[in-house]
Amino acid sequence: MLQAIGLTKSYGDHTALKPLDLEIGVGEIFCLLGANGAGKTTTINLFLDFIRPSGGEARIDGKKVADNPRETRRVTAYIPERVSLYENLTGLENLAYFSELAGVSRSRKDYLDLLEGAGLKPDFADKPVSGYSKGMRQKVAVATALARDAKVMLLDEPTSGLDPKAAGELSAGLMRLKERGVTVLMATHDLFRARETGTRVGIMKHGSLVADLATEGISASDLETVYLDHMHD
């Protein structure tokens, strides 16, 4: 579902992403770990066509992103570190607006069910998002991905600034997406959530993917050890 083939990005003499070869299958949750500047956000941005590659290609659902930006965006949902919603609209109104912008129209009950399915308490659906926490805003974004039947979800540092309860609720939302066959690529600093939520974990350093680990059978402490070993190399 997500594929990088010799994908690179340079800015002048600085190489932000060295040749990356990566395949992420349907329903996988792949978590990218690494320090700031390791290449995590660059990778996400290349899949989103926010920036163009210097070499190689990013593919979503078999299509080259740089050549098919509209088609690939149609099947892709994105949750940035800060989710942008219309402050004066309710959670339900934001969900309806962004869904209909993508050509999807559903009933009020469907939207309410989607919000509840994403973990938003029903009491908040009709309240303005100006009073929403970061975690609540993310739930509206997850519900929008569900409404649009997105095949791919890309997230950049989604647990930054979340308390443990909200981070756990986000993980639960991602697991619901996984159950629907959505492919997730998430850049994060959170080793614990990566181990808990991810099916695979990649470790990036200085623009290179230096490890690609299946989370099944690896403990959180083992993952931490591998991560720190790479950081100290």
Protein backbone atom coordinates (compact mmCIF):
# COMPACT_ATOMS: atom_id res chain seq x y z
CA MET A 1 0.00 0.00 0.00
CA LEU A 2 2.93 2.35 0.77
CA GLN A 3 6.20 1.95 -1.08
CA ALA A 4 9.44 3.92 -1.24
CA ILE A 5 11.86 3.00 -4.01
CA GLY A 6 15.28 4.64 -3.70
CA LEU A 7 13.46 7.69 -2.31
CA THR A 8 15.77 10.63 -1.54
CA LYS A 9 15.51 14.31 -0.67
CA SER A 10 18.32 16.87 -0.70
CA TYR A 11 18.44 20.60 -0.03
CA GLY A 12 21.61 21.88 -1.65
CA ASP A 13 24.51 20.05 -0.02
CA HIS A 14 22.31 18.68 2.78
CA THR A 15 20.74 15.26 2.32
CA ALA A 16 17.58 15.06 4.43
CA LEU A 17 16.70 11.55 3.24
CA LYS A 18 19.18 9.03 1.90
CA PRO A 19 17.93 6.34 -0.53
CA LEU A 20 14.96 4.74 1.23
CA ASP A 21 13.48 1.41 0.21
CA LEU A 22 10.39 0.50 2.20
CA GLU A 23 7.16 -1.45 1.75
CA ILE A 24 4.20 -1.22 4.14
CA GLY A 25 1.32 -3.60 3.52
CA VAL A 26 -2.44 -3.26 3.87
CA GLY A 27 -3.49 -2.92 7.53
CA GLU A 28 0.05 -2.48 8.85
CA ILE A 29 0.98 0.23 11.36
CA PHE A 30 4.57 1.29 10.72
CA CYS A 31 6.11 3.61 13.32
CA LEU A 32 9.16 5.70 12.44
CA LEU A 33 11.38 6.47 15.41
CA GLY A 34 14.36 8.82 15.44
CA ALA A 35 15.78 12.07 16.74
CA ASN A 36 14.81 15.44 15.30
CA GLY A 37 16.31 15.77 11.82
CA ALA A 38 16.52 12.01 11.29
CA GLY A 39 14.28 12.15 8.20
CA LYS A 40 10.92 11.07 9.65
CA THR A 41 8.91 14.17 8.68
CA THR A 42 10.67 14.36 5.31
CA THR A 43 9.48 10.81 4.58
CA ILE A 44 5.89 11.69 5.57
CA ASN A 45 5.98 14.87 3.47
CA LEU A 46 7.19 13.00 0.39
CA PHE A 47 4.27 10.58 0.63
CA LEU A 48 1.93 13.57 0.98
CA ASP A 49 3.49 15.36 -2.02
CA PHE A 50 4.15 18.37 0.21
CA ILE A 51 7.72 18.23 -1.17
CA ARG A 52 9.11 16.63 -4.30
CA PRO A 53 11.77 13.90 -4.20
CA SER A 54 15.31 14.52 -5.38
CA GLY A 55 15.46 10.92 -6.54
CA GLY A 56 13.50 7.68 -6.49
CA GLU A 57 9.77 7.57 -5.90
CA ALA A 58 7.04 7.31 -3.30
CA ARG A 59 4.03 5.14 -4.20
CA ILE A 60 0.59 4.87 -2.60
CA ASP A 61 -1.71 2.07 -3.69
CA GLY A 62 0.57 1.37 -6.63
CA LYS A 63 0.53 4.95 -7.93
CA LYS A 64 3.56 7.24 -8.06
CA VAL A 65 2.73 10.16 -5.75
CA ALA A 66 4.62 12.82 -7.73
CA ASP A 67 2.76 11.91 -10.93
CA ASN A 68 -0.68 11.27 -9.39
CA PRO A 69 -1.06 13.72 -6.48
CA ARG A 70 -4.85 13.99 -6.67
CA GLU A 71 -5.46 10.25 -6.89
CA THR A 72 -3.11 9.46 -4.02
CA ARG A 73 -4.48 12.25 -1.79
CA ARG A 74 -7.99 10.93 -2.36
CA VAL A 75 -7.12 7.69 -0.54
CA THR A 76 -4.88 9.33 2.08
CA ALA A 77 -5.70 10.97 5.40
CA TYR A 78 -3.18 13.08 7.34
CA ILE A 79 -2.96 14.00 11.00
CA PRO A 80 -0.25 16.63 11.61
CA GLU A 81 1.16 17.46 15.03
CA ARG A 82 -1.56 20.12 15.32
CA VAL A 83 -4.89 19.28 13.71
CA SER A 84 -6.46 22.29 11.96
CA LEU A 85 -10.24 22.52 12.34
CA TYR A 86 -12.72 25.38 12.07
CA GLU A 87 -12.87 26.70 15.62
CA ASN A 88 -16.43 28.08 15.44
CA LEU A 89 -17.87 24.83 14.06
CA THR A 90 -18.74 21.78 16.13
CA GLY A 91 -16.91 18.49 15.85
CA LEU A 92 -19.79 17.06 13.85
CA GLU A 93 -19.91 20.10 11.54
CA ASN A 94 -16.16 19.84 10.91
CA LEU A 95 -16.50 16.15 10.15
CA ALA A 96 -19.39 16.78 7.75
CA TYR A 97 -17.56 19.67 6.04
CA PHE A 98 -14.29 17.81 5.43
CA SER A 99 -16.13 14.65 4.39
CA GLU A 100 -18.27 16.51 1.87
CA LEU A 101 -15.19 18.37 0.62
CA ALA A 102 -13.85 14.91 -0.26
CA GLY A 103 -17.11 14.05 -2.05
CA VAL A 104 -18.64 11.99 0.76
CA SER A 105 -22.04 12.81 2.23
CA ARG A 106 -23.51 10.91 5.18
CA SER A 107 -26.41 11.28 7.61
CA ARG A 108 -26.13 13.00 10.98
CA LYS A 109 -26.44 9.61 12.68
CA ASP A 110 -23.59 8.22 10.56
CA TYR A 111 -21.39 11.15 11.51
CA LEU A 112 -22.23 10.73 15.20
CA ASP A 113 -21.47 7.01 14.98
CA LEU A 114 -18.14 7.75 13.28
CA LEU A 115 -17.16 10.26 15.97
CA GLU A 116 -18.08 7.82 18.71
CA GLY A 117 -16.21 5.07 16.86
CA ALA A 118 -13.14 7.33 16.84
CA GLY A 119 -13.46 7.69 20.62
CA LEU A 120 -15.14 11.11 20.93
CA LYS A 121 -17.75 11.17 23.69
CA PRO A 122 -21.25 11.92 22.27
CA ASP A 123 -21.64 14.95 24.57
CA PHE A 124 -18.92 16.80 22.62
CA ALA A 125 -20.10 16.17 19.04
CA ASP A 126 -22.27 19.30 18.99
CA LYS A 127 -19.86 21.56 20.85
CA PRO A 128 -17.50 24.03 19.10
CA VAL A 129 -14.00 22.62 18.62
CA SER A 130 -12.56 25.81 20.12
CA GLY A 131 -13.06 24.00 23.43
CA TYR A 132 -11.52 20.72 22.25
CA SER A 133 -8.25 19.30 23.52
CA LYS A 134 -5.55 18.11 21.09
CA GLY A 135 -6.67 14.52 21.59
CA MET A 136 -10.29 15.37 20.80
CA ARG A 137 -9.26 17.16 17.60
CA GLN A 138 -7.34 14.06 16.54
CA LYS A 139 -10.47 11.98 17.04
CA VAL A 140 -12.34 14.23 14.59
CA ALA A 141 -9.49 13.66 12.12
CA VAL A 142 -9.68 9.87 12.63
CA ALA A 143 -13.47 10.02 12.12
CA THR A 144 -12.91 11.97 8.90
CA ALA A 145 -10.56 9.24 7.65
CA LEU A 146 -13.23 6.65 8.46
CA ALA A 147 -15.94 8.70 6.71
CA ARG A 148 -13.83 9.02 3.57
CA ASP A 149 -12.88 5.32 3.59
CA ALA A 150 -9.23 6.36 3.43
CA LYS A 151 -6.82 3.54 2.66
CA VAL A 152 -3.79 5.27 4.17
CA MET A 153 -3.28 7.35 7.30
CA LEU A 154 -0.11 9.42 7.77
CA LEU A 155 0.66 10.94 11.18
CA ASP A 156 3.47 13.25 12.27
CA GLU A 157 4.25 13.26 16.01
CA PRO A 158 0.61 12.68 17.01
CA THR A 159 1.36 11.89 20.68
CA SER A 160 3.44 15.04 21.26
CA GLY A 161 1.81 16.99 24.09
CA LEU A 162 -0.79 14.31 24.86
CA ASP A 163 -1.26 12.95 28.37
CA PRO A 164 -1.00 9.15 28.74
CA LYS A 165 -4.80 8.68 28.66
CA ALA A 166 -5.18 10.67 25.43
CA ALA A 167 -2.18 8.88 23.89
CA GLY A 168 -3.80 5.55 24.76
CA GLU A 169 -7.07 6.67 23.16
CA LEU A 170 -5.20 7.66 19.97
CA SER A 171 -3.59 4.21 19.90
CA ALA A 172 -7.04 2.64 20.23
CA GLY A 173 -8.26 4.78 17.31
CA LEU A 174 -5.34 3.61 15.16
CA MET A 175 -6.11 0.00 16.02
CA ARG A 176 -9.68 0.55 14.80
CA LEU A 177 -8.29 1.87 11.52
CA LYS A 178 -6.01 -1.17 11.28
CA GLU A 179 -9.00 -3.49 11.73
CA ARG A 180 -10.60 -1.80 8.71
CA GLY A 181 -7.51 -2.48 6.63
CA VAL A 182 -6.15 1.08 6.74
CA THR A 183 -2.36 1.32 6.36
CA VAL A 184 -0.74 3.66 8.90
CA LEU A 185 2.65 5.38 8.76
CA MET A 186 3.43 7.36 11.91
CA ALA A 187 6.47 9.45 12.80
CA THR A 188 6.94 9.54 16.55
CA HIS A 189 9.37 9.93 19.46
CA ASP A 190 7.23 7.69 21.66
CA LEU A 191 8.95 4.27 21.92
CA PHE A 192 6.27 2.89 24.20
CA ARG A 193 3.37 3.74 21.86
CA ALA A 194 5.36 2.59 18.84
CA ARG A 195 5.90 -0.79 20.47
CA GLU A 196 2.30 -1.00 21.70
CA THR A 197 0.57 0.13 18.52
CA GLY A 198 2.89 -0.65 15.64
CA THR A 199 3.15 -3.90 13.72
CA ARG A 200 6.62 -2.73 12.65
CA VAL A 201 9.02 -0.10 13.91
CA GLY A 202 11.65 1.65 11.79
CA ILE A 203 14.57 3.54 13.32
CA MET A 204 15.93 6.51 11.38
CA LYS A 205 19.25 8.24 11.88
CA HIS A 206 20.85 11.01 9.80
CA GLY A 207 18.40 10.44 6.93
CA SER A 208 18.79 6.67 6.79
CA LEU A 209 16.51 3.83 7.88
CA VAL A 210 18.93 1.87 10.07
CA ALA A 211 16.52 -0.74 11.46
CA ASP A 212 13.16 -2.29 10.52
CA LEU A 213 11.75 -4.45 13.31
CA ALA A 214 8.56 -6.46 13.77
CA THR A 215 7.05 -5.57 17.16
CA GLU A 216 5.72 -9.08 17.72
CA GLY A 217 8.10 -10.86 20.05
CA ILE A 218 10.15 -7.79 21.04
CA SER A 219 9.72 -6.21 24.46
CA ALA A 220 9.60 -2.47 25.09
CA SER A 221 12.95 -2.67 26.92
CA ASP A 222 14.54 -4.58 24.02
CA LEU A 223 13.26 -1.98 21.57
CA GLU A 224 14.68 0.78 23.76
CA THR A 225 18.04 -1.00 23.83
CA VAL A 226 18.13 -1.36 20.04
CA TYR A 227 17.11 2.28 19.61
CA LEU A 228 19.74 3.61 22.01
CA ASP A 229 22.42 1.40 20.43
CA HIS A 230 21.72 2.98 17.06
CA MET A 231 21.61 6.49 18.52
CA HIS A 232 25.05 5.98 20.08
CA ASP A 233 26.70 4.53 16.95
